[in-house]
Amino acid sequence: FFIIALLFRQLDLIWCKQIPFGTHFLWHITNSITAGFAIIIL
């Protein structure tokens, strides 16, 4: 999930023409789910 989140973060920087509003917000959403799961595991 962290790798997927990183991809969303980086695609935002290079795909602005294809996706004008970007994918950075998906980095936030994926990371929040990942962090929540991490807390549950511990």
All heavy atoms as atom14 arrays in JSON, in Angstrom:
{
  "sequence": "FFIIALLFRQLDLIWCKQIPFGTHFLWHITNSITAGFAIIIL",
  "atom14_mask": [
    [1, 1, 1, 1, 1, 1, 1, 1, 1, 1, 1, 0, 0, 0],
    [1, 1, 1, 1, 1, 1, 1, 1, 1, 1, 1, 0, 0, 0],
    [1, 1, 1, 1, 1, 1, 1, 1, 0, 0, 0, 0, 0, 0],
    [1, 1, 1, 1, 1, 1, 1, 1, 0, 0, 0, 0, 0, 0],
    [1, 1, 1, 1, 1, 0, 0, 0, 0, 0, 0, 0, 0, 0],
    [1, 1, 1, 1, 1, 1, 1, 1, 0, 0, 0, 0, 0, 0],
    [1, 1, 1, 1, 1, 1, 1, 1, 0, 0, 0, 0, 0, 0],
    [1, 1, 1, 1, 1, 1, 1, 1, 1, 1, 1, 0, 0, 0],
    [1, 1, 1, 1, 1, 1, 1, 1, 1, 1, 1, 0, 0, 0],
    [1, 1, 1, 1, 1, 1, 1, 1, 1, 0, 0, 0, 0, 0],
    [1, 1, 1, 1, 1, 1, 1, 1, 0, 0, 0, 0, 0, 0],
    [1, 1, 1, 1, 1, 1, 1, 1, 0, 0, 0, 0, 0, 0],
    [1, 1, 1, 1, 1, 1, 1, 1, 0, 0, 0, 0, 0, 0],
    [1, 1, 1, 1, 1, 1, 1, 1, 0, 0, 0, 0, 0, 0],
    [1, 1, 1, 1, 1, 1, 1, 1, 1, 1, 1, 1, 1, 1],
    [1, 1, 1, 1, 1, 1, 0, 0, 0, 0, 0, 0, 0, 0],
    [1, 1, 1, 1, 1, 1, 1, 1, 1, 0, 0, 0, 0, 0],
    [1, 1, 1, 1, 1, 1, 1, 1, 1, 0, 0, 0, 0, 0],
    [1, 1, 1, 1, 1, 1, 1, 1, 0, 0, 0, 0, 0, 0],
    [1, 1, 1, 1, 1, 1, 1, 0, 0, 0, 0, 0, 0, 0],
    [1, 1, 1, 1, 1, 1, 1, 1, 1, 1, 1, 0, 0, 0],
    [1, 1, 1, 1, 0, 0, 0, 0, 0, 0, 0, 0, 0, 0],
    [1, 1, 1, 1, 1, 1, 1, 0, 0, 0, 0, 0, 0, 0],
    [1, 1, 1, 1, 1, 1, 1, 1, 1, 1, 0, 0, 0, 0],
    [1, 1, 1, 1, 1, 1, 1, 1, 1, 1, 1, 0, 0, 0],
    [1, 1, 1, 1, 1, 1, 1, 1, 0, 0, 0, 0, 0, 0],
    [1, 1, 1, 1, 1, 1, 1, 1, 1, 1, 1, 1, 1, 1],
    [1, 1, 1, 1, 1, 1, 1, 1, 1, 1, 0, 0, 0, 0],
    [1, 1, 1, 1, 1, 1, 1, 1, 0, 0, 0, 0, 0, 0],
    [1, 1, 1, 1, 1, 1, 1, 0, 0, 0, 0, 0, 0, 0],
    [1, 1, 1, 1, 1, 1, 1, 1, 0, 0, 0, 0, 0, 0],
    [1, 1, 1, 1, 1, 1, 0, 0, 0, 0, 0, 0, 0, 0],
    [1, 1, 1, 1, 1, 1, 1, 1, 0, 0, 0, 0, 0, 0],
    [1, 1, 1, 1, 1, 1, 1, 0, 0, 0, 0, 0, 0, 0],
    [1, 1, 1, 1, 1, 0, 0, 0, 0, 0, 0, 0, 0, 0],
    [1, 1, 1, 1, 0, 0, 0, 0, 0, 0, 0, 0, 0, 0],
    [1, 1, 1, 1, 1, 1, 1, 1, 1, 1, 1, 0, 0, 0],
    [1, 1, 1, 1, 1, 0, 0, 0, 0, 0, 0, 0, 0, 0],
    [1, 1, 1, 1, 1, 1, 1, 1, 0, 0, 0, 0, 0, 0],
    [1, 1, 1, 1, 1, 1, 1, 1, 0, 0, 0, 0, 0, 0],
    [1, 1, 1, 1, 1, 1, 1, 1, 0, 0, 0, 0, 0, 0],
    [1, 1, 1, 1, 1, 1, 1, 1, 0, 0, 0, 0, 0, 0]
  ],
  "atom14_positions": [
    [[0.83, -1.21, 0.0], [0.0, 0.0, 0.0], [0.86, 1.26, 0.0], [0.5, 2.27, -0.62], [-0.95, 0.0, 1.21], [-2.28, -0.62, 0.91], [-2.47, -2.0, 0.99], [-3.35, 0.16, 0.51], [-3.69, -2.58, 0.72], [-4.58, -0.41, 0.23], [-4.75, -1.78, 0.33], [0.0, 0.0, 0.0], [0.0, 0.0, 0.0], [0.0, 0.0, 0.0]],
    [[2.0, 1.21, 0.69], [2.89, 2.36, 0.72], [3.48, 2.62, -0.67], [3.61, 3.78, -1.1], [3.99, 2.14, 1.75], [4.87, 3.33, 1.99], [4.32, 4.57, 2.26], [6.25, 3.21, 1.97], [5.13, 5.68, 2.5], [7.06, 4.3, 2.2], [6.51, 5.55, 2.46], [0.0, 0.0, 0.0], [0.0, 0.0, 0.0], [0.0, 0.0, 0.0]],
    [[3.82, 1.56, -1.39], [4.33, 1.7, -2.75], [3.26, 2.3, -3.66], [3.55, 3.2, -4.46], [4.8, 0.33, -3.31], [6.06, -0.13, -2.57], [5.08, 0.42, -4.82], [6.47, -1.56, -2.86], [0.0, 0.0, 0.0], [0.0, 0.0, 0.0], [0.0, 0.0, 0.0], [0.0, 0.0, 0.0], [0.0, 0.0, 0.0], [0.0, 0.0, 0.0]],
    [[2.02, 1.83, -3.52], [0.91, 2.39, -4.31], [0.74, 3.87, -3.99], [0.56, 4.71, -4.89], [-0.4, 1.61, -4.03], [-0.28, 0.18, -4.57], [-1.6, 2.32, -4.68], [-1.4, -0.74, -4.12], [0.0, 0.0, 0.0], [0.0, 0.0, 0.0], [0.0, 0.0, 0.0], [0.0, 0.0, 0.0], [0.0, 0.0, 0.0], [0.0, 0.0, 0.0]],
    [[0.8, 4.21, -2.7], [0.68, 5.61, -2.29], [1.78, 6.47, -2.91], [1.52, 7.58, -3.4], [0.71, 5.71, -0.76], [0.0, 0.0, 0.0], [0.0, 0.0, 0.0], [0.0, 0.0, 0.0], [0.0, 0.0, 0.0], [0.0, 0.0, 0.0], [0.0, 0.0, 0.0], [0.0, 0.0, 0.0], [0.0, 0.0, 0.0], [0.0, 0.0, 0.0]],
    [[3.01, 5.97, -2.9], [4.13, 6.7, -3.49], [3.93, 6.92, -4.98], [4.26, 7.98, -5.52], [5.44, 5.95, -3.25], [6.03, 6.03, -1.84], [7.23, 5.1, -1.7], [6.44, 7.46, -1.5], [0.0, 0.0, 0.0], [0.0, 0.0, 0.0], [0.0, 0.0, 0.0], [0.0, 0.0, 0.0], [0.0, 0.0, 0.0], [0.0, 0.0, 0.0]],
    [[3.37, 5.91, -5.66], [3.09, 6.06, -7.09], [2.08, 7.18, -7.33], [2.26, 8.01, -8.24], [2.56, 4.74, -7.67], [3.61, 3.65, -7.89], [2.94, 2.34, -8.32], [4.62, 4.07, -8.96], [0.0, 0.0, 0.0], [0.0, 0.0, 0.0], [0.0, 0.0, 0.0], [0.0, 0.0, 0.0], [0.0, 0.0, 0.0], [0.0, 0.0, 0.0]],
    [[1.03, 7.24, -6.5], [0.05, 8.32, -6.63], [0.73, 9.68, -6.42], [0.42, 10.65, -7.12], [-1.09, 8.15, -5.61], [-2.09, 7.1, -5.98], [-2.59, 6.23, -5.02], [-2.56, 6.98, -7.28], [-3.53, 5.26, -5.34], [-3.5, 6.02, -7.62], [-3.99, 5.15, -6.65], [0.0, 0.0, 0.0], [0.0, 0.0, 0.0], [0.0, 0.0, 0.0]],
    [[1.62, 9.74, -5.44], [2.32, 11.0, -5.16], [3.15, 11.45, -6.35], [3.15, 12.62, -6.72], [3.22, 10.83, -3.93], [3.87, 12.12, -3.46], [4.85, 11.85, -2.33], [5.32, 13.09, -1.74], [6.27, 13.86, -2.25], [6.86, 13.51, -3.4], [6.64, 14.97, -1.65], [0.0, 0.0, 0.0], [0.0, 0.0, 0.0], [0.0, 0.0, 0.0]],
    [[3.9, 10.52, -6.94], [4.82, 10.88, -8.02], [4.11, 11.11, -9.36], [4.54, 11.94, -10.15], [5.9, 9.82, -8.16], [6.8, 9.7, -6.94], [7.32, 11.05, -6.46], [6.79, 11.62, -5.52], [8.35, 11.55, -7.11], [0.0, 0.0, 0.0], [0.0, 0.0, 0.0], [0.0, 0.0, 0.0], [0.0, 0.0, 0.0], [0.0, 0.0, 0.0]],
    [[3.05, 10.35, -9.61], [2.31, 10.55, -10.87], [1.71, 11.95, -10.93], [1.54, 12.52, -12.01], [1.21, 9.49, -11.01], [1.69, 8.07, -11.31], [0.51, 7.1, -11.32], [2.42, 8.01, -12.65], [0.0, 0.0, 0.0], [0.0, 0.0, 0.0], [0.0, 0.0, 0.0], [0.0, 0.0, 0.0], [0.0, 0.0, 0.0], [0.0, 0.0, 0.0]],
    [[1.41, 12.51, -9.76], [0.87, 13.87, -9.7], [1.84, 14.87, -10.33], [1.42, 15.85, -10.93], [0.59, 14.25, -8.24], [-0.03, 15.62, -8.12], [-1.27, 15.71, -8.25], [0.7, 16.61, -7.91], [0.0, 0.0, 0.0], [0.0, 0.0, 0.0], [0.0, 0.0, 0.0], [0.0, 0.0, 0.0], [0.0, 0.0, 0.0], [0.0, 0.0, 0.0]],
    [[3.12, 14.61, -10.19], [4.14, 15.54, -10.67], [4.38, 15.43, -12.17], [4.93, 16.35, -12.77], [5.46, 15.3, -9.92], [5.42, 15.43, -8.39], [6.76, 15.05, -7.8], [5.04, 16.83, -7.98], [0.0, 0.0, 0.0], [0.0, 0.0, 0.0], [0.0, 0.0, 0.0], [0.0, 0.0, 0.0], [0.0, 0.0, 0.0], [0.0, 0.0, 0.0]],
    [[3.99, 14.33, -12.79], [4.34, 14.12, -14.21], [3.14, 13.93, -15.13], [3.3, 13.93, -16.34], [5.29, 12.91, -14.36], [4.65, 11.62, -13.83], [6.62, 13.17, -13.65], [5.53, 10.38, -14.0], [0.0, 0.0, 0.0], [0.0, 0.0, 0.0], [0.0, 0.0, 0.0], [0.0, 0.0, 0.0], [0.0, 0.0, 0.0], [0.0, 0.0, 0.0]],
    [[1.92, 13.81, -14.57], [0.73, 13.57, -15.39], [-0.29, 14.71, -15.34], [-1.48, 14.49, -15.47], [0.05, 12.27, -14.93], [0.66, 11.05, -15.53], [1.82, 10.96, -16.25], [0.15, 9.71, -15.46], [2.08, 9.68, -16.62], [1.06, 8.88, -16.15], [-0.98, 9.14, -14.87], [0.86, 7.51, -16.28], [-1.16, 7.77, -14.99], [-0.27, 6.96, -15.7]],
    [[0.19, 15.93, -15.1], [-0.74, 17.06, -14.98], [-1.58, 17.26, -16.25], [-2.75, 17.63, -16.16], [0.02, 18.34, -14.66], [0.58, 18.41, -12.95], [0.0, 0.0, 0.0], [0.0, 0.0, 0.0], [0.0, 0.0, 0.0], [0.0, 0.0, 0.0], [0.0, 0.0, 0.0], [0.0, 0.0, 0.0], [0.0, 0.0, 0.0], [0.0, 0.0, 0.0]],
    [[-0.99, 17.03, -17.41], [-1.75, 17.23, -18.66], [-2.84, 16.18, -18.81], [-3.93, 16.46, -19.29], [-0.79, 17.17, -19.85], [0.11, 18.39, -19.96], [0.99, 18.32, -21.21], [1.87, 19.56, -21.31], [2.74, 19.51, -22.52], [0.0, 0.0, 0.0], [0.0, 0.0, 0.0], [0.0, 0.0, 0.0], [0.0, 0.0, 0.0], [0.0, 0.0, 0.0]],
    [[-2.53, 14.95, -18.4], [-3.5, 13.86, -18.51], [-4.57, 13.94, -17.42], [-5.74, 13.64, -17.67], [-2.78, 12.5, -18.43], [-1.87, 12.21, -19.62], [-0.47, 12.79, -19.44], [-0.22, 13.6, -18.55], [0.46, 12.37, -20.3], [0.0, 0.0, 0.0], [0.0, 0.0, 0.0], [0.0, 0.0, 0.0], [0.0, 0.0, 0.0], [0.0, 0.0, 0.0]],
    [[-4.17, 14.33, -16.2], [-5.11, 14.42, -15.07], [-4.92, 15.8, -14.43], [-4.12, 15.96, -13.51], [-4.84, 13.31, -14.02], [-4.73, 11.94, -14.7], [-5.93, 13.29, -12.96], [-4.32, 10.82, -13.78], [0.0, 0.0, 0.0], [0.0, 0.0, 0.0], [0.0, 0.0, 0.0], [0.0, 0.0, 0.0], [0.0, 0.0, 0.0], [0.0, 0.0, 0.0]],
    [[-5.66, 16.8, -14.9], [-5.42, 18.18, -14.46], [-5.5, 18.4, -12.95], [-4.76, 19.22, -12.4], [-6.53, 18.96, -15.19], [-6.87, 18.13, -16.37], [-6.7, 16.71, -15.92], [0.0, 0.0, 0.0], [0.0, 0.0, 0.0], [0.0, 0.0, 0.0], [0.0, 0.0, 0.0], [0.0, 0.0, 0.0], [0.0, 0.0, 0.0], [0.0, 0.0, 0.0]],
    [[-6.4, 17.69, -12.25], [-6.53, 17.87, -10.8], [-5.55, 17.01, -10.03], [-5.47, 17.06, -8.8], [-7.96, 17.6, -10.34], [-8.52, 16.28, -10.82], [-8.26, 15.12, -10.13], [-9.31, 16.22, -11.96], [-8.75, 13.91, -10.56], [-9.81, 15.0, -12.4], [-9.53, 13.84, -11.7], [0.0, 0.0, 0.0], [0.0, 0.0, 0.0], [0.0, 0.0, 0.0]],
    [[-4.78, 16.17, -10.74], [-3.69, 15.43, -10.12], [-4.11, 14.18, -9.36], [-5.29, 13.81, -9.31], [0.0, 0.0, 0.0], [0.0, 0.0, 0.0], [0.0, 0.0, 0.0], [0.0, 0.0, 0.0], [0.0, 0.0, 0.0], [0.0, 0.0, 0.0], [0.0, 0.0, 0.0], [0.0, 0.0, 0.0], [0.0, 0.0, 0.0], [0.0, 0.0, 0.0]],
    [[-3.11, 13.53, -8.77], [-3.34, 12.29, -8.01], [-2.8, 12.4, -6.58], [-2.8, 11.42, -5.85], [-2.65, 11.09, -8.71], [-1.24, 11.36, -8.84], [-3.25, 10.84, -10.09], [0.0, 0.0, 0.0], [0.0, 0.0, 0.0], [0.0, 0.0, 0.0], [0.0, 0.0, 0.0], [0.0, 0.0, 0.0], [0.0, 0.0, 0.0], [0.0, 0.0, 0.0]],
    [[-2.36, 13.59, -6.19], [-1.76, 13.73, -4.86], [-2.76, 13.44, -3.75], [-2.4, 12.9, -2.71], [-1.17, 15.13, -4.69], [-0.27, 15.26, -3.5], [1.07, 14.92, -3.54], [-0.52, 15.68, -2.23], [1.61, 15.12, -2.34], [0.67, 15.57, -1.53], [0.0, 0.0, 0.0], [0.0, 0.0, 0.0], [0.0, 0.0, 0.0], [0.0, 0.0, 0.0]],
    [[-4.02, 13.79, -3.99], [-5.05, 13.52, -2.98], [-5.2, 12.03, -2.71], [-5.55, 11.6, -1.6], [-6.4, 14.15, -3.38], [-7.11, 13.44, -4.5], [-8.14, 12.55, -4.23], [-6.75, 13.66, -5.82], [-8.81, 11.9, -5.26], [-7.41, 13.02, -6.86], [-8.44, 12.13, -6.58], [0.0, 0.0, 0.0], [0.0, 0.0, 0.0], [0.0, 0.0, 0.0]],
    [[-4.9, 11.2, -3.73], [-4.95, 9.74, -3.56], [-3.79, 9.25, -2.71], [-3.91, 8.23, -2.03], [-4.95, 9.05, -4.93], [-6.19, 9.3, -5.79], [-5.99, 8.72, -7.2], [-7.43, 8.7, -5.14], [0.0, 0.0, 0.0], [0.0, 0.0, 0.0], [0.0, 0.0, 0.0], [0.0, 0.0, 0.0], [0.0, 0.0, 0.0], [0.0, 0.0, 0.0]],
    [[-2.68, 9.96, -2.75], [-1.55, 9.69, -1.84], [-2.0, 9.85, -0.39], [-1.7, 9.04, 0.46], [-0.4, 10.61, -2.19], [0.56, 11.05, -1.13], [0.55, 12.25, -0.47], [1.7, 10.33, -0.61], [1.6, 12.33, 0.42], [2.33, 11.17, 0.35], [2.25, 9.08, -0.86], [3.47, 10.8, 1.05], [3.39, 8.69, -0.16], [3.99, 9.54, 0.78]],
    [[-2.77, 10.91, -0.13], [-3.29, 11.14, 1.22], [-4.24, 10.02, 1.65], [-4.13, 9.49, 2.75], [-4.04, 12.48, 1.28], [-3.17, 13.67, 1.09], [-3.65, 14.89, 0.67], [-1.83, 13.84, 1.26], [-2.66, 15.75, 0.6], [-1.54, 15.13, 0.94], [0.0, 0.0, 0.0], [0.0, 0.0, 0.0], [0.0, 0.0, 0.0], [0.0, 0.0, 0.0]],
    [[-5.17, 9.68, 0.78], [-6.18, 8.68, 1.12], [-5.53, 7.31, 1.35], [-5.81, 6.63, 2.35], [-7.25, 8.59, 0.01], [-8.06, 9.9, -0.04], [-8.19, 7.4, 0.23], [-8.96, 10.03, -1.24], [0.0, 0.0, 0.0], [0.0, 0.0, 0.0], [0.0, 0.0, 0.0], [0.0, 0.0, 0.0], [0.0, 0.0, 0.0], [0.0, 0.0, 0.0]],
    [[-4.65, 6.9, 0.43], [-3.99, 5.59, 0.55], [-3.11, 5.54, 1.79], [-3.07, 4.54, 2.51], [-3.14, 5.3, -0.71], [-3.91, 5.53, -1.87], [-2.66, 3.84, -0.71], [0.0, 0.0, 0.0], [0.0, 0.0, 0.0], [0.0, 0.0, 0.0], [0.0, 0.0, 0.0], [0.0, 0.0, 0.0], [0.0, 0.0, 0.0], [0.0, 0.0, 0.0]],
    [[-2.4, 6.64, 2.06], [-1.52, 6.69, 3.24], [-2.3, 6.63, 4.54], [-1.87, 6.02, 5.52], [-0.67, 7.96, 3.21], [0.77, 7.66, 2.86], [1.19, 6.51, 2.83], [1.53, 8.68, 2.58], [0.0, 0.0, 0.0], [0.0, 0.0, 0.0], [0.0, 0.0, 0.0], [0.0, 0.0, 0.0], [0.0, 0.0, 0.0], [0.0, 0.0, 0.0]],
    [[-3.46, 7.29, 4.58], [-4.26, 7.28, 5.8], [-4.77, 5.87, 6.11], [-4.77, 5.44, 7.27], [-5.44, 8.26, 5.69], [-6.32, 7.89, 4.65], [0.0, 0.0, 0.0], [0.0, 0.0, 0.0], [0.0, 0.0, 0.0], [0.0, 0.0, 0.0], [0.0, 0.0, 0.0], [0.0, 0.0, 0.0], [0.0, 0.0, 0.0], [0.0, 0.0, 0.0]],
    [[-5.17, 5.15, 5.07], [-5.61, 3.76, 5.25], [-4.44, 2.89, 5.71], [-4.58, 2.06, 6.63], [-6.21, 3.22, 3.94], [-7.5, 3.98, 3.59], [-6.49, 1.72, 4.04], [-8.02, 3.72, 2.19], [0.0, 0.0, 0.0], [0.0, 0.0, 0.0], [0.0, 0.0, 0.0], [0.0, 0.0, 0.0], [0.0, 0.0, 0.0], [0.0, 0.0, 0.0]],
    [[-3.28, 3.09, 5.08], [-2.08, 2.32, 5.44], [-1.68, 2.58, 6.89], [-1.36, 1.65, 7.64], [-0.91, 2.69, 4.5], [-1.33, 2.54, 3.14], [0.3, 1.81, 4.76], [0.0, 0.0, 0.0], [0.0, 0.0, 0.0], [0.0, 0.0, 0.0], [0.0, 0.0, 0.0], [0.0, 0.0, 0.0], [0.0, 0.0, 0.0], [0.0, 0.0, 0.0]],
    [[-1.7, 3.85, 7.29], [-1.33, 4.21, 8.67], [-2.31, 3.62, 9.68], [-1.91, 3.11, 10.73], [-1.27, 5.73, 8.81], [0.0, 0.0, 0.0], [0.0, 0.0, 0.0], [0.0, 0.0, 0.0], [0.0, 0.0, 0.0], [0.0, 0.0, 0.0], [0.0, 0.0, 0.0], [0.0, 0.0, 0.0], [0.0, 0.0, 0.0], [0.0, 0.0, 0.0]],
    [[-3.6, 3.68, 9.36], [-4.61, 3.08, 10.24], [-4.41, 1.59, 10.4], [-4.49, 1.04, 11.51], [0.0, 0.0, 0.0], [0.0, 0.0, 0.0], [0.0, 0.0, 0.0], [0.0, 0.0, 0.0], [0.0, 0.0, 0.0], [0.0, 0.0, 0.0], [0.0, 0.0, 0.0], [0.0, 0.0, 0.0], [0.0, 0.0, 0.0], [0.0, 0.0, 0.0]],
    [[-4.11, 0.91, 9.28], [-3.86, -0.53, 9.31], [-2.62, -0.84, 10.15], [-2.58, -1.81, 10.91], [-3.7, -1.05, 7.89], [-3.56, -2.55, 7.79], [-4.54, -3.4, 8.26], [-2.42, -3.11, 7.21], [-4.41, -4.78, 8.17], [-2.29, -4.49, 7.11], [-3.28, -5.32, 7.59], [0.0, 0.0, 0.0], [0.0, 0.0, 0.0], [0.0, 0.0, 0.0]],
    [[-1.6, 0.01, 10.03], [-0.36, -0.17, 10.81], [-0.64, -0.1, 12.3], [-0.11, -0.9, 13.08], [0.66, 0.89, 10.4], [0.0, 0.0, 0.0], [0.0, 0.0, 0.0], [0.0, 0.0, 0.0], [0.0, 0.0, 0.0], [0.0, 0.0, 0.0], [0.0, 0.0, 0.0], [0.0, 0.0, 0.0], [0.0, 0.0, 0.0], [0.0, 0.0, 0.0]],
    [[-1.47, 0.85, 12.71], [-1.83, 0.98, 14.13], [-2.59, -0.26, 14.61], [-2.35, -0.77, 15.71], [-2.66, 2.26, 14.36], [-1.8, 3.5, 14.08], [-3.21, 2.3, 15.79], [-2.58, 4.8, 14.02], [0.0, 0.0, 0.0], [0.0, 0.0, 0.0], [0.0, 0.0, 0.0], [0.0, 0.0, 0.0], [0.0, 0.0, 0.0], [0.0, 0.0, 0.0]],
    [[-3.5, -0.75, 13.78], [-4.28, -1.94, 14.13], [-3.37, -3.15, 14.31], [-3.52, -3.93, 15.26], [-5.35, -2.23, 13.05], [-6.43, -1.13, 13.09], [-5.99, -3.6, 13.25], [-7.38, -1.16, 11.9], [0.0, 0.0, 0.0], [0.0, 0.0, 0.0], [0.0, 0.0, 0.0], [0.0, 0.0, 0.0], [0.0, 0.0, 0.0], [0.0, 0.0, 0.0]],
    [[-2.4, -3.3, 13.42], [-1.47, -4.43, 13.5], [-0.7, -4.42, 14.82], [-0.56, -5.44, 15.49], [-0.47, -4.39, 12.31], [-1.17, -4.83, 11.03], [0.74, -5.28, 12.58], [-0.33, -4.63, 9.79], [0.0, 0.0, 0.0], [0.0, 0.0, 0.0], [0.0, 0.0, 0.0], [0.0, 0.0, 0.0], [0.0, 0.0, 0.0], [0.0, 0.0, 0.0]],
    [[-0.22, -3.25, 15.2], [0.55, -3.15, 16.44], [-0.3, -3.46, 17.66], [0.22, -3.93, 18.68], [1.15, -1.74, 16.58], [2.29, -1.39, 15.63], [2.76, 0.04, 15.9], [3.47, -2.36, 15.78], [0.0, 0.0, 0.0], [0.0, 0.0, 0.0], [0.0, 0.0, 0.0], [0.0, 0.0, 0.0], [0.0, 0.0, 0.0], [0.0, 0.0, 0.0]]
  ]
}
